C-alpha cells in the first residue's frame, strides 16, 4: 500500500478547475487513512454548492487508483466538518492567491 505522503503527492495532480490549484494545497484533503487493504481519504469542497465537486471526486478516484495496488479498496468520503475556509490553504496557495491572513483580520 502507498504511504500517506505518496497519497498526498498523487492528489497534487487533482486540480480544482475553478481556481486552478490542486486540492492538497487548497486544504481540501482532511485526512488519509491506510490500513491493510483499504485506502480512505476524507476531503471537502470549498462550498457544498461547488459545481465541480463530482469532477474533482472522479479525478481523485483516478489518481488513487493509479497509485494503489489493484486489490486495494479505495474509499473517498466527502465531509463538511469542519467547514473549509481559506486559512486551511498551504502557504504556497495563500501566496499564489495573494491571501494574507493578517490583512483579513482588519
Protein backbone atom coordinates (compact mmCIF):
# COMPACT_ATOMS: atom_id res chain seq x y z
CA UNK A 1 0.00 0.00 0.00
CA UNK A 2 1.18 3.56 -0.59
CA UNK A 3 2.21 5.84 2.25
CA UNK A 4 0.25 8.93 3.27
CA UNK A 5 2.93 11.09 1.66
CA UNK A 6 2.54 9.17 -1.63
CA UNK A 7 -1.24 9.57 -1.47
CA UNK A 8 -0.95 13.31 -0.91
CA UNK A 9 1.60 13.56 -3.74
CA UNK A 10 -0.81 11.76 -6.08
CA UNK A 11 -3.63 14.08 -5.05
CA UNK A 12 -1.49 17.08 -6.02
CA UNK A 13 -2.46 16.18 -9.59
CA UNK A 14 -6.15 16.83 -8.81
CA UNK A 15 -6.90 20.43 -9.73
CA UNK A 16 -9.95 22.45 -8.73
CA UNK A 17 -10.62 23.94 -12.19
CA UNK A 18 -12.44 26.96 -10.82
CA UNK A 19 -9.32 28.24 -9.09
CA UNK A 20 -6.52 26.38 -10.91
CA UNK A 21 -4.93 24.96 -7.75
CA UNK A 22 -4.54 21.39 -6.51
CA UNK A 23 -6.80 20.08 -3.75
CA UNK A 24 -3.92 19.41 -1.35
CA UNK A 25 -2.62 22.99 -1.38
CA UNK A 26 -6.18 24.27 -1.18
CA UNK A 27 -6.56 22.37 2.09
CA UNK A 28 -9.40 20.20 0.82
CA UNK A 29 -7.81 16.91 1.89
CA UNK A 30 -8.78 16.47 5.53
CA UNK A 31 -7.39 13.02 6.18
CA UNK A 32 -5.73 9.92 4.78
CA UNK A 33 -6.12 6.54 6.43
CA UNK A 34 -4.28 3.47 5.18
CA UNK A 35 -4.97 0.13 6.80
CA UNK A 36 -4.47 -3.38 5.46
CA UNK A 37 -6.08 -3.38 2.03
CA UNK A 38 -8.02 -0.11 2.38
CA UNK A 39 -7.14 3.42 1.38
CA UNK A 40 -9.53 6.01 2.78
CA UNK A 41 -9.41 9.73 2.04
CA UNK A 42 -11.60 12.39 3.63
CA UNK A 43 -11.94 15.53 1.58
CA UNK A 44 -14.19 18.51 1.24
CA UNK A 45 -15.03 21.22 -1.25
CA UNK A 46 -14.70 24.95 -0.77
CA UNK A 47 -18.51 25.08 -0.65
CA UNK A 48 -21.30 22.47 -0.65
CA UNK A 49 -22.59 24.11 -3.84
CA UNK A 50 -19.31 23.55 -5.71
CA UNK A 51 -20.29 22.87 -9.34
CA UNK A 52 -17.05 20.96 -9.93
CA UNK A 53 -17.45 18.62 -6.96
CA UNK A 54 -18.21 15.44 -8.91
CA UNK A 55 -15.39 16.09 -11.36
CA UNK A 56 -12.92 16.64 -8.50
CA UNK A 57 -14.07 13.43 -6.80
CA UNK A 58 -13.70 11.50 -10.08
CA UNK A 59 -10.20 12.92 -10.61
CA UNK A 60 -9.25 11.99 -7.03
CA UNK A 61 -10.51 8.41 -7.56
CA UNK A 62 -8.45 8.11 -10.76
CA UNK A 63 -5.31 9.43 -9.04
CA UNK A 64 -5.72 6.98 -6.15
CA UNK A 65 -6.48 4.01 -8.42
CA UNK A 66 -3.30 4.74 -10.38
CA UNK A 67 -1.32 4.72 -7.14
CA UNK A 68 -2.84 1.85 -5.15
CA UNK A 69 -2.47 -1.86 -5.86
CA UNK A 70 -5.30 -3.42 -7.87
CA UNK A 71 -6.55 -5.32 -4.83
CA UNK A 72 -6.88 -2.16 -2.70
CA UNK A 73 -10.27 -0.86 -1.63
CA UNK A 74 -10.45 2.89 -2.22
CA UNK A 75 -12.94 4.99 -0.30
CA UNK A 76 -13.35 8.73 -0.67
CA UNK A 77 -15.54 10.42 1.92
CA UNK A 78 -16.91 13.86 1.16
CA UNK A 79 -17.08 15.66 4.51
CA UNK A 80 -18.30 19.10 5.53
CA UNK A 81 -16.96 19.39 9.07
CA UNK A 82 -15.05 21.41 9.80
CA UNK A 83 -16.24 23.81 7.12
CA UNK A 84 -13.44 24.77 4.75
CA UNK A 85 -12.04 28.28 4.88
CA UNK A 86 -9.10 30.00 3.24
CA UNK A 87 -6.89 29.62 6.31
CA UNK A 88 -6.68 25.88 5.51
CA UNK A 89 -4.63 26.56 2.38
CA UNK A 90 -0.90 25.94 2.38
CA UNK A 91 1.47 28.89 2.41
CA UNK A 92 2.09 28.23 -1.30
CA UNK A 93 -1.62 28.57 -2.12
CA UNK A 94 -2.08 31.64 0.08
CA UNK A 95 0.85 33.31 -1.67
CA UNK A 96 -0.48 32.30 -5.10
CA UNK A 97 -3.84 33.91 -4.37
CA UNK A 98 -2.34 36.90 -2.57
CA UNK A 99 -4.18 36.00 0.63
CA UNK A 100 -2.61 37.47 3.74
CA UNK A 101 -4.33 36.29 6.95
CA UNK A 102 -3.16 39.41 8.80
CA UNK A 103 -4.99 41.65 6.34
CA UNK A 104 -8.18 39.55 6.65
CA UNK A 105 -8.44 40.41 10.35
CA UNK A 106 -8.85 44.13 9.59
